[in-house]
Amino acid sequence: MNHNQQLFQRAQRSIPGGVNSPVRAFKAVGGTPAFIRRAQGAYMWDADGQRYIDYIGSWGPMILGHGHPQVLDAVVQAAREGLSFGAPTEREIELAEEILRLMPSMEMLRLVNSGTEAGMSAIRLARGATGRSKIIKFEGCYHGHADALLVKAGSGLATFGHATSAGVPPEVVQDTLVLEYNNVAQLEEAFARFGPQIACLIMEPIAGNMNFVRASVPFMAAARRLTREAGALLIIDEVMTGFRVALGGAQSLYAQHIPGFAPDLTVLGKVIGGGMPLAAFGGARTIMERLAPLGGVYQAGTLSGNPVATACGLSTLKLIQQPGFYERLAERTRALARGLQAAADEAGVPFAADSEGGMFGFFLLPELPQNYAQVMQSEAARFNQFFHGMLGRGVYFAPALYEAGFVSAAHTAEDVQATLAAAREVFAQMA
């Protein structure tokens, strides 16, 4: 029995499933999870000393790679000054100002500790600002594990969803309307039927929890138009895409195609914390001033704006603004996606890949899916074969069919070539 197996057995005695976030348990792909001992640059090492080229990057935050020296210096200096105060600090202001400067759709923001907390708080704020109860989300989009968002689609067009987790009473999700991603006609019907009751629509501009599925420009334009006409708020969840696909987030990409496009509220996480627990939600001043202590919408957190986390995030945000950073990152990511496509095509394995900035995804399907139902057509057994084949060759992709991947500035052309060499071997076995 190796060290990973020993640790997993030990973990299962004290932690449910042996992990503190379900996807880490490898239940979707089978086998024993790798327990990571350390990471540096583009690599991670597990408890048995196996090195992996890392394409999860802590599920997105590690855009600079692991252990960037300037980020570590900022974190160490902040830790020396104090781990937590429960009182305001100047660095919170500096981080907020930096984010607002880079994402002009926001005039104010509130720092929190996780994407779940940010998404939950944004929805509460939207309900408080509009005086309405109903919300729209899309099947396959994940906005954290708040009760009202753990919902699957209903049985018919524009019907309300059903809880996907035990412990969520039906009445908690009765105001959550679950629609099909990229379905403009269904979205229009939902607003025609429920428009005056809808507080907000929340969506990922690039869905990263059904792997990598883009919102089409017509779909995004319709979401913006319909929410505005109905007096509902448009919430763009950029926990994953924010500062990951572009310096201005995915919303800056859609603004290039949709005149005057801007969300009412934005949810951020991951990159803005640089690997530390930190997230945010923000929007127009008139909306954000409804938050306590100025308004009646309550939200609070003991560790919100933590001084070590803000140091990590602020250092990261400054470094990703270096000239040419995103151009280099995007090209490296495209090289990976295109190379995987070519390797699969050579072996005759159905495959479709896409990328934006430092985020990518792939499907063992002949073409890119546009919604969750199409994603579900993927064969889990074939993905599991690919995943374990790559893992055994030292390449760590997400251990689930439905998760996007991430490239960092630390990944080299040689890392990509090593990944593609491994993929060619695995695809040859799958053919």
Foldseek 3Di string as FASTA:
>chain_A
DDPQVVQQVVQVVPPPLSDDDPLQNLPLQDDGGFAWDDFFQQWTAGPRRFIFRAWCCVVAQQQATPPDPLLVVLLVVLVVVHFADLDDDVLLVVLQVLLCVLAVQFPGKFKDFAQLQALVLVLLLLCVVLVADAEEEEALADRHDDLLRQWHADDDQFAFTDHPDPPRDRVSNRRYTYHWAQDLVSVVVNCVVQLLRYSEYEYEQFGFQQATAHRDLVRLLSRVVSCVVSVHFYEYEQQRQDCQQHSNGVQVVSCVVHPPDDGQKYKYHRNLQSPGRMIMMGGDPVSVCCEPPRHDRYDDDSCGPGSSSSSSNVSSSVVCPPPPNQVVLQVLQVLLQVLLVVLLVVLVFQKEKDDGRFKIGMASHNYDDNTSVVSVVGDSNLVSLQQVLLVVLRYHDRSHSRGITGDHPSDDPVNSVSSSVSSNVSSNVVD
